[in-house]
N, C-alpha and C. Protein backbone atom coordinates (compact mmCIF):
# COMPACT_ATOMS: atom_id res chain seq x y z
N MET A 1 121.94 69.93 73.09
CA MET A 1 122.11 69.60 74.51
C MET A 1 122.36 68.12 74.81
N HIS A 2 121.53 67.26 74.08
CA HIS A 2 121.60 65.84 74.27
C HIS A 2 122.96 65.41 73.90
N GLU A 3 123.49 65.76 72.71
CA GLU A 3 124.75 65.29 72.33
C GLU A 3 125.91 65.77 73.28
N LEU A 4 125.72 67.00 73.75
CA LEU A 4 126.79 67.44 74.72
C LEU A 4 126.78 66.48 75.93
N MET A 5 125.53 66.28 76.48
CA MET A 5 125.48 65.39 77.65
C MET A 5 125.94 64.00 77.48
N LYS A 6 125.64 63.49 76.28
CA LYS A 6 126.15 62.13 75.87
C LYS A 6 127.69 62.06 75.89
N THR A 7 128.27 63.23 75.29
CA THR A 7 129.71 63.22 75.12
C THR A 7 130.29 63.42 76.51
N LYS A 8 129.78 64.24 77.37
CA LYS A 8 130.32 64.45 78.66
C LYS A 8 130.19 63.22 79.54
N VAL A 9 129.12 62.57 79.52
CA VAL A 9 128.89 61.30 80.38
C VAL A 9 129.89 60.26 79.77
N ASN A 10 129.98 60.11 78.57
CA ASN A 10 130.87 59.09 77.97
C ASN A 10 132.37 59.35 78.21
N GLU A 11 132.66 60.70 78.42
CA GLU A 11 134.14 61.01 78.66
C GLU A 11 134.54 61.07 80.15
N LEU A 12 133.61 60.85 80.99
CA LEU A 12 133.86 60.94 82.51
C LEU A 12 135.13 60.16 82.83
N THR A 13 135.99 60.61 83.65
CA THR A 13 137.10 59.93 84.21
C THR A 13 136.64 59.39 85.53
N LEU A 14 137.32 58.43 85.97
CA LEU A 14 137.16 57.87 87.37
C LEU A 14 137.36 58.95 88.40
N GLU A 15 138.26 59.79 88.23
CA GLU A 15 138.59 60.88 89.16
C GLU A 15 137.43 61.79 89.22
N GLU A 16 136.69 62.05 88.12
CA GLU A 16 135.53 62.95 88.15
C GLU A 16 134.37 62.18 88.81
N LEU A 17 134.24 60.85 88.59
CA LEU A 17 133.25 60.27 89.26
C LEU A 17 133.42 60.20 90.78
N SER A 18 134.52 60.00 91.19
CA SER A 18 134.98 60.06 92.63
C SER A 18 134.70 61.38 93.15
N TYR A 19 135.07 62.48 92.53
CA TYR A 19 134.82 63.74 92.96
C TYR A 19 133.25 64.01 93.08
N LEU A 20 132.55 63.56 92.14
CA LEU A 20 131.01 63.78 92.30
C LEU A 20 130.40 62.93 93.32
N ASN A 21 130.99 61.74 93.50
CA ASN A 21 130.53 60.93 94.50
C ASN A 21 130.71 61.45 96.03
N GLU A 22 131.85 62.23 96.26
CA GLU A 22 132.14 62.92 97.48
C GLU A 22 131.25 64.17 97.49
N LEU A 23 131.18 64.92 96.55
CA LEU A 23 130.41 66.08 96.52
C LEU A 23 128.96 65.86 96.73
N ASN A 24 128.36 64.84 96.26
CA ASN A 24 127.00 64.51 96.47
C ASN A 24 126.82 63.61 97.73
N ASN A 25 127.84 63.24 98.42
CA ASN A 25 127.70 62.49 99.60
C ASN A 25 126.99 61.07 99.47
N LEU A 26 127.35 60.43 98.35
CA LEU A 26 126.77 59.13 97.91
C LEU A 26 127.39 58.07 98.68
N HIS A 27 128.57 58.13 99.14
CA HIS A 27 129.38 57.00 99.76
C HIS A 27 129.43 55.74 98.97
N LEU A 28 129.65 55.89 97.66
CA LEU A 28 129.83 54.70 96.81
C LEU A 28 131.33 54.38 97.02
N HIS A 29 131.56 53.02 96.98
CA HIS A 29 132.91 52.58 97.24
C HIS A 29 133.61 52.67 95.90
N LEU A 30 134.91 52.74 95.95
CA LEU A 30 135.72 52.80 94.79
C LEU A 30 135.45 51.55 93.79
N ASP A 31 135.19 50.42 94.29
CA ASP A 31 134.82 49.34 93.40
C ASP A 31 133.62 49.76 92.58
N ASP A 32 132.64 50.24 93.25
CA ASP A 32 131.28 50.55 92.56
C ASP A 32 131.63 51.63 91.50
N LEU A 33 132.42 52.70 91.79
CA LEU A 33 132.69 53.68 90.83
C LEU A 33 133.58 53.11 89.61
N ILE A 34 134.41 52.18 89.93
CA ILE A 34 135.11 51.63 88.96
C ILE A 34 134.34 50.77 87.97
N LEU A 35 133.34 50.13 88.53
CA LEU A 35 132.44 49.27 87.72
C LEU A 35 131.61 50.21 86.80
N LEU A 36 130.96 51.21 87.32
CA LEU A 36 130.14 52.23 86.65
C LEU A 36 131.01 52.74 85.53
N HIS A 37 132.19 53.24 85.83
CA HIS A 37 133.06 53.69 84.79
C HIS A 37 133.33 52.72 83.67
N HIS A 38 133.57 51.51 83.99
CA HIS A 38 133.84 50.36 82.99
C HIS A 38 132.60 50.11 82.27
N LEU A 39 131.41 50.17 82.83
CA LEU A 39 130.18 49.82 82.15
C LEU A 39 129.80 50.98 81.09
N ILE A 40 130.05 52.25 81.58
CA ILE A 40 129.85 53.42 80.67
C ILE A 40 130.77 53.30 79.45
N LYS A 41 132.06 52.98 79.68
CA LYS A 41 133.01 52.97 78.63
C LYS A 41 132.79 51.80 77.70
N GLN A 42 132.64 50.60 78.39
CA GLN A 42 132.74 49.40 77.56
C GLN A 42 131.35 48.86 77.07
N GLN A 43 130.32 49.25 77.83
CA GLN A 43 128.86 48.64 77.45
C GLN A 43 127.97 49.79 77.46
N TRP A 44 128.24 50.94 76.78
CA TRP A 44 127.36 52.18 76.75
C TRP A 44 125.85 51.87 76.42
N HIS A 45 125.83 51.00 75.34
CA HIS A 45 124.55 50.82 74.68
C HIS A 45 123.58 49.95 75.68
N ASN A 46 124.30 49.13 76.54
CA ASN A 46 123.51 48.41 77.56
C ASN A 46 123.26 49.20 78.79
N THR A 47 124.18 49.98 79.08
CA THR A 47 124.18 50.75 80.42
C THR A 47 123.43 51.95 80.42
N ILE A 48 123.35 52.63 79.24
CA ILE A 48 122.57 54.01 79.16
C ILE A 48 121.51 53.89 78.24
N ILE A 49 120.29 54.33 78.64
CA ILE A 49 119.21 54.47 77.63
C ILE A 49 119.44 55.67 76.83
N GLU A 50 119.73 55.53 75.73
CA GLU A 50 120.13 56.58 74.71
C GLU A 50 119.23 57.79 74.77
N SER A 51 117.91 57.52 74.69
CA SER A 51 116.96 58.69 74.35
C SER A 51 116.91 59.56 75.59
N THR A 52 117.16 59.08 76.83
CA THR A 52 117.02 59.98 77.97
C THR A 52 118.32 60.05 78.61
N LEU A 53 119.37 59.35 78.21
CA LEU A 53 120.69 59.30 78.87
C LEU A 53 120.51 58.93 80.32
N SER A 54 119.48 58.10 80.60
CA SER A 54 119.39 57.55 81.93
C SER A 54 120.06 56.13 82.11
N LEU A 55 120.19 55.68 83.25
CA LEU A 55 120.68 54.27 83.54
C LEU A 55 119.76 53.26 83.16
N ASN A 56 120.28 52.27 82.47
CA ASN A 56 119.33 51.01 82.33
C ASN A 56 119.26 50.14 83.49
N GLU A 57 118.28 50.27 84.37
CA GLU A 57 118.30 49.58 85.72
C GLU A 57 118.25 48.07 85.49
N GLU A 58 117.50 47.57 84.64
CA GLU A 58 117.48 46.15 84.25
C GLU A 58 118.81 45.69 83.99
N PHE A 59 119.56 46.17 83.12
CA PHE A 59 120.93 45.75 82.82
C PHE A 59 121.69 45.81 84.16
N LEU A 60 121.73 46.97 84.83
CA LEU A 60 122.63 47.15 86.00
C LEU A 60 122.36 46.10 87.15
N LYS A 61 121.06 45.63 87.22
CA LYS A 61 120.76 44.57 88.09
C LYS A 61 121.56 43.40 88.15
N ASN A 62 122.15 43.19 86.96
CA ASN A 62 123.05 41.94 86.67
C ASN A 62 124.33 42.17 87.42
N TYR A 63 124.76 43.45 87.88
CA TYR A 63 125.94 43.72 88.45
C TYR A 63 125.91 44.27 89.86
N VAL A 64 124.87 45.03 90.17
CA VAL A 64 124.78 45.61 91.49
C VAL A 64 123.45 45.57 92.12
N ASN A 65 123.24 45.88 93.39
CA ASN A 65 121.97 45.80 93.93
C ASN A 65 121.29 47.06 93.65
N VAL A 66 119.99 47.18 94.09
CA VAL A 66 119.17 48.41 93.88
C VAL A 66 119.65 49.53 94.60
N ILE A 67 120.26 49.42 95.72
CA ILE A 67 120.76 50.59 96.42
C ILE A 67 121.86 51.27 95.68
N ILE A 68 122.69 50.41 95.14
CA ILE A 68 123.89 50.98 94.33
C ILE A 68 123.37 51.50 93.09
N ILE A 69 122.36 50.98 92.55
CA ILE A 69 121.80 51.64 91.29
C ILE A 69 121.15 52.92 91.57
N SER A 70 120.56 53.08 92.73
CA SER A 70 119.90 54.29 93.17
C SER A 70 120.92 55.44 93.26
N LYS A 71 122.14 55.03 93.80
CA LYS A 71 123.23 55.99 94.01
C LYS A 71 123.86 56.37 92.54
N TYR A 72 123.95 55.41 91.75
CA TYR A 72 124.39 55.61 90.40
C TYR A 72 123.53 56.62 89.66
N LYS A 73 122.19 56.47 89.89
CA LYS A 73 121.15 57.44 89.26
C LYS A 73 121.42 58.79 89.82
N GLU A 74 121.62 58.92 91.10
CA GLU A 74 121.84 60.23 91.64
C GLU A 74 123.11 60.83 91.10
N LEU A 75 124.20 60.02 91.00
CA LEU A 75 125.46 60.49 90.33
C LEU A 75 125.28 60.97 88.83
N ILE A 76 124.58 60.22 88.01
CA ILE A 76 124.34 60.61 86.78
C ILE A 76 123.42 61.79 86.55
N THR A 77 122.48 61.89 87.58
CA THR A 77 121.60 63.14 87.55
C THR A 77 122.37 64.34 87.93
N SER A 78 123.31 64.30 88.85
CA SER A 78 124.18 65.38 89.30
C SER A 78 124.98 65.81 88.00
N ILE A 79 125.59 64.85 87.28
CA ILE A 79 126.34 65.08 86.12
C ILE A 79 125.49 65.93 85.08
N LYS A 80 124.35 65.44 84.84
CA LYS A 80 123.45 66.11 83.84
C LYS A 80 123.06 67.58 84.31
N TRP A 81 122.91 67.78 85.55
CA TRP A 81 122.52 69.01 86.15
C TRP A 81 123.81 69.98 85.98
N SER A 82 124.83 69.46 86.31
CA SER A 82 126.15 70.17 86.19
C SER A 82 126.32 70.75 84.66
N ILE A 83 126.03 69.82 83.86
CA ILE A 83 126.12 70.23 82.40
C ILE A 83 125.18 71.35 82.02
N ILE A 84 123.91 71.11 82.42
CA ILE A 84 122.87 72.15 82.28
C ILE A 84 123.24 73.46 82.75
N GLU A 85 123.66 73.45 84.04
CA GLU A 85 124.04 74.68 84.66
C GLU A 85 125.20 75.39 84.01
N ASN A 86 126.20 74.65 83.44
CA ASN A 86 127.32 75.22 82.85
C ASN A 86 127.24 75.49 81.39
N TYR A 87 126.07 75.12 80.91
CA TYR A 87 125.87 75.35 79.43
C TYR A 87 125.58 76.73 79.14
N SER A 88 126.24 77.27 78.18
CA SER A 88 126.08 78.72 77.72
C SER A 88 125.50 78.79 76.40
N PHE A 89 124.47 79.62 76.33
CA PHE A 89 123.75 79.73 74.98
C PHE A 89 124.38 80.87 74.16
């Protein structure tokens, strides 16, 4: 399951992030989504805590404020729940 989540998060498109942003009513601006997408793609090891597939808040504080980080966390959590719900055994 961990590897499946890692792969799915790493393969997210900007369009998918935008969709989930709207679905979860997070009101993240496109620039914030672009930044998150870039950080996941280009700086995975700094952005994501590998063992939990959670966001590295200390690293993200270099780029965005805590309110945006909180919304990023909600977005990532929704992605993980979506994967869990759609995972078939």
